[in-house]
Protein backbone atom coordinates (compact mmCIF):
# COMPACT_ATOMS: atom_id res chain seq x y z
CA MET A 1 93.69 152.54 218.38
CA THR A 2 91.52 149.43 218.32
CA LEU A 3 87.80 149.87 218.03
CA LEU A 4 85.23 147.38 219.21
CA ASN A 5 81.80 148.26 217.93
CA GLU A 6 78.42 146.76 218.74
CA LYS A 7 74.94 147.62 217.54
CA SER A 8 74.62 150.27 220.28
CA ILE A 9 76.39 152.87 218.13
CA ILE A 10 77.15 153.68 214.49
CA LEU A 11 80.75 154.62 213.77
CA ILE A 12 80.97 157.23 211.03
CA ASP A 13 84.00 158.41 209.10
CA ASN A 14 84.74 162.11 209.55
CA ARG A 15 84.55 162.66 205.80
CA GLU A 16 80.80 161.93 205.99
CA LYS A 17 80.10 165.00 208.14
CA ASP A 18 79.26 167.11 205.10
CA SER A 19 76.76 164.58 203.72
CA GLU A 20 74.00 165.51 206.22
CA ILE A 21 73.34 161.80 206.80
CA PRO A 22 74.81 161.90 210.34
CA ASN A 23 72.40 164.71 211.25
CA LEU A 24 69.49 162.71 209.85
CA LEU A 25 70.55 159.70 211.93
CA LYS A 26 70.78 161.83 215.07
CA ASP A 27 67.29 163.20 214.39
CA LYS A 28 66.09 159.58 214.36
CA GLY A 29 67.60 159.09 217.82
CA ILE A 30 70.41 156.83 216.66
CA PRO A 31 73.69 157.26 218.58
CA ILE A 32 76.67 158.01 216.36
CA LEU A 33 80.40 158.52 216.84
CA PHE A 34 82.73 160.21 214.36
CA GLU A 35 86.16 158.66 213.79
CA ASN A 36 88.89 158.72 211.15
CA LEU A 37 88.06 155.31 209.73
CA GLU A 38 90.61 153.52 207.59
CA ILE A 39 87.93 151.42 205.91
CA GLY A 40 84.31 152.12 205.11
CA ASP A 41 82.12 155.13 205.81
CA TYR A 42 79.80 153.55 208.38
CA ILE A 43 80.39 150.63 210.75
CA ILE A 44 77.55 148.87 212.56
CA GLY A 45 78.90 145.97 214.60
CA ASP A 46 80.87 143.80 212.17
CA LEU A 47 79.06 145.28 209.15
CA ILE A 48 81.06 147.77 207.10
CA ILE A 49 79.22 150.10 204.73
CA GLU A 50 80.88 152.03 201.92
CA ARG A 51 78.67 154.87 200.62
CA LYS A 52 79.24 156.37 197.20
CA THR A 53 77.25 158.74 195.07
CA SER A 54 76.60 157.28 191.64
CA LYS A 55 79.04 159.76 190.10
CA ASP A 56 81.79 158.94 192.61
CA PHE A 57 81.22 155.20 192.13
CA ILE A 58 81.84 155.51 188.40
CA ALA A 59 84.96 157.61 189.02
CA SER A 60 86.23 155.01 191.50
CA VAL A 61 85.86 152.27 188.89
CA PHE A 62 88.14 154.05 186.44
CA ASP A 63 90.75 155.22 188.95
CA GLY A 64 90.85 151.84 190.70
CA ARG A 65 89.81 153.09 194.15
CA ILE A 66 86.81 150.78 194.41
CA PHE A 67 88.94 147.62 194.16
CA GLN A 68 91.49 148.93 196.63
CA GLN A 69 88.71 149.72 199.08
CA ALA A 70 87.04 146.36 198.49
CA ASN A 71 90.30 144.53 199.18
CA LYS A 72 90.76 146.38 202.47
CA ILE A 73 87.18 145.91 203.62
CA THR A 74 87.02 142.20 202.87
CA SER A 75 90.29 141.66 204.73
CA PHE A 76 88.44 142.74 207.89
CA THR A 77 84.94 141.31 207.47
CA ASN A 78 82.77 139.23 205.16
CA LYS A 79 79.80 141.50 205.89
CA ALA A 80 80.11 144.48 203.58
CA ILE A 81 77.60 146.73 201.86
CA LEU A 82 78.15 149.13 198.99
CA LEU A 83 75.48 151.83 199.18
CA ILE A 84 75.18 153.65 195.83
CA GLU A 85 73.31 156.93 196.13
CA GLY A 86 71.67 158.65 193.20
CA ASN A 87 70.53 157.53 189.76
CA LEU A 88 73.30 155.26 188.52
CA ASN A 89 71.58 154.58 185.19
CA ASN A 90 71.62 158.29 184.34
CA GLU A 91 75.34 158.54 185.11
CA ILE A 92 76.14 155.42 183.08
CA GLU A 93 74.67 157.10 179.99
CA TYR A 94 77.75 159.35 179.90
CA VAL A 95 80.21 156.44 180.12
CA LYS A 96 81.78 155.13 176.92
CA ASN A 97 82.66 151.70 178.27
CA LYS A 98 79.46 150.76 180.09
CA ASN A 99 80.52 147.14 180.45
CA SER A 100 83.31 148.20 182.81
CA ILE A 101 80.67 149.48 185.25
CA TYR A 102 78.51 146.37 184.98
CA GLY A 103 81.58 144.16 185.27
CA THR A 104 82.69 145.96 188.42
CA LEU A 105 79.26 145.54 190.03
CA LEU A 106 79.34 141.82 189.23
CA SER A 107 82.88 141.48 190.54
CA LEU A 108 82.00 143.22 193.82
CA ALA A 109 78.96 140.99 194.30
CA LEU A 110 80.48 137.67 193.24
CA SER A 111 84.20 137.95 194.01
CA TYR A 112 84.12 140.26 197.03
CA ASN A 113 80.71 139.18 198.42
CA PHE A 114 79.48 142.77 198.67
CA LYS A 115 75.77 143.38 199.11
CA ILE A 116 74.88 146.28 196.80
CA ILE A 117 72.05 148.61 197.80
CA TYR A 118 70.76 151.61 195.87
CA SER A 119 69.18 154.79 197.25
CA ASN A 120 67.74 157.85 195.52
CA ASP A 121 69.13 160.49 197.89
CA ILE A 122 70.64 161.18 201.32
CA GLU A 123 67.26 160.87 203.05
CA GLU A 124 66.78 157.40 201.63
CA SER A 125 70.36 156.47 202.53
CA ALA A 126 69.71 157.54 206.12
CA ASN A 127 66.52 155.45 206.17
CA ILE A 128 68.44 152.41 204.93
CA LEU A 129 71.09 152.87 207.62
CA GLU A 130 68.35 153.19 210.22
CA ILE A 131 66.77 149.91 209.11
CA ILE A 132 70.15 148.16 209.16
CA TYR A 133 70.85 149.53 212.65
CA LYS A 134 67.48 148.62 214.14
CA HIS A 135 66.81 145.26 212.57
CA GLY A 136 70.20 143.65 212.00
CA LYS A 137 72.02 141.25 214.28
CA TYR A 138 75.71 142.01 214.63
CA SER A 139 78.73 140.86 216.53
CA LYS A 140 81.93 142.77 217.26
CA ILE A 141 84.87 143.49 215.04
CA GLU A 142 87.69 142.20 217.20
CA ASN A 143 91.25 143.53 217.34
CA ILE A 144 91.13 145.61 214.19
CA HIS A 145 92.94 148.92 213.83
CA LEU A 146 90.35 151.01 212.05
CA ILE A 147 91.80 154.45 212.69
CA LYS A 148 93.64 155.92 209.76
CA GLN A 149 97.18 157.11 210.29
CA LYS A 150 97.23 160.85 209.56
CA ARG A 151 100.90 161.05 208.70
CA ILE A 152 102.23 160.80 205.16
CA SER A 153 105.07 158.35 205.08
CA ASN A 154 108.53 159.55 204.06
CA ASP A 155 109.76 155.97 203.82
CA VAL A 156 110.57 155.20 200.18
CA ASN A 157 109.76 151.49 200.51
CA GLU A 158 106.36 152.27 202.00
CA GLN A 159 105.68 154.76 199.21
CA LYS A 160 106.51 152.11 196.62
CA LEU A 161 104.23 149.64 198.40
CA ASN A 162 101.38 152.16 198.39
CA ILE A 163 101.84 152.89 194.69
CA ILE A 164 101.70 149.23 193.67
CA ALA A 165 98.89 148.40 196.13
CA SER A 166 96.72 151.16 194.61
CA ILE A 167 96.63 149.38 191.24
CA PRO A 168 93.35 147.47 190.71
CA HIS A 169 93.48 143.73 191.46
CA ILE A 170 96.68 144.02 193.51
CA GLY A 171 96.16 145.22 197.09
CA GLU A 172 98.77 145.19 199.84
CA LYS A 173 99.39 141.43 199.92
CA TYR A 174 100.21 141.09 196.21
CA ALA A 175 102.07 144.43 196.22
CA GLU A 176 104.47 143.12 198.84
CA ARG A 177 105.01 139.90 196.89
CA LEU A 178 105.66 141.81 193.66
CA LEU A 179 108.18 144.19 195.20
CA LYS A 180 110.01 141.41 197.01
CA SER A 181 110.20 139.43 193.77
CA PHE A 182 111.02 142.20 191.28
CA LYS A 183 112.68 144.77 193.60
CA THR A 184 111.66 147.84 191.53
CA ILE A 185 108.42 149.27 190.14
CA LYS A 186 110.04 149.47 186.70
CA ALA A 187 110.76 145.73 186.76
CA ILE A 188 107.13 145.00 187.66
CA ILE A 189 105.90 147.13 184.75
CA ASN A 190 108.30 145.39 182.32
CA ALA A 191 107.44 141.87 183.48
CA SER A 192 105.25 139.56 181.41
CA PRO A 193 102.04 138.06 182.85
CA GLN A 194 103.86 134.74 183.18
CA GLU A 195 106.68 136.33 185.16
CA LEU A 196 104.26 138.19 187.40
CA SER A 197 102.42 134.97 188.14
CA LEU A 198 105.43 132.68 188.64
CA LYS A 199 107.76 134.96 190.58
CA ALA A 200 105.18 136.64 192.83
CA LYS A 201 102.90 133.59 193.09
CA ILE A 202 99.88 135.51 191.80
CA PRO A 203 97.00 133.73 190.02
CA TYR A 204 97.63 133.83 186.29
CA LYS A 205 94.27 135.42 185.47
CA THR A 206 95.02 138.18 187.96
CA SER A 207 98.50 138.72 186.53
CA ILE A 208 97.00 139.21 183.06
CA LYS A 209 94.65 141.88 184.39
CA ILE A 210 97.54 143.63 186.14
CA TRP A 211 99.71 143.46 183.01
CA LYS A 212 96.93 144.97 180.88
CA ILE A 213 96.47 147.89 183.27
CA LEU A 214 100.22 148.58 183.27
CA ASN A 215 100.85 148.14 179.56
CA GLU A 216 97.78 148.72 177.41
CA GLU A 217 97.45 152.13 175.75
CA TYR A 218 95.10 154.68 177.26
CA LYS A 219 92.06 155.19 175.03
CA GLY A 220 90.71 158.59 175.96
């Protein structure tokens, strides 16, 4: 299904139903539509908004979800917002490697061109979304399949692609190159940064990051 969205409506991912934000938006008289969105939590025109609580944001940094989501979102639009809800500074106090959080925020802002906005709670998040809806100027997202496929693939090749694409700094494009070049996941893991870069035509700096994730010891 292809969705074309203009400012007249806010598309909301079904997973946001429990957040109470949709109800707050409806109380403000803003028209909303729930969908199973493949990318983002809220879509206003060509603006895609990913909402995370401060705790979930930190978890997504360490499990790599945030980079996978950023890769998907920026493949559709250059207008993206990360809305972080809650006191991030308090959550960071419990993190051993604080620089990984700061580095991720910088990477999202500089490399992925995300606008990062902070809110204290769901009421403030709803107010921010209201302001974006009422005062922004947006065009359409054209010819983009935003609806998530509900099936779980039984295709082994697709499963391999999903596994590799879920690794931070890779994404679907590099995952396909890596699998075509090395054939197996084991071969990718055993490859040196130079091999990853030369065979799959991946930037060398990126191949070093990938190699470190695959090979460095876990320090728990």
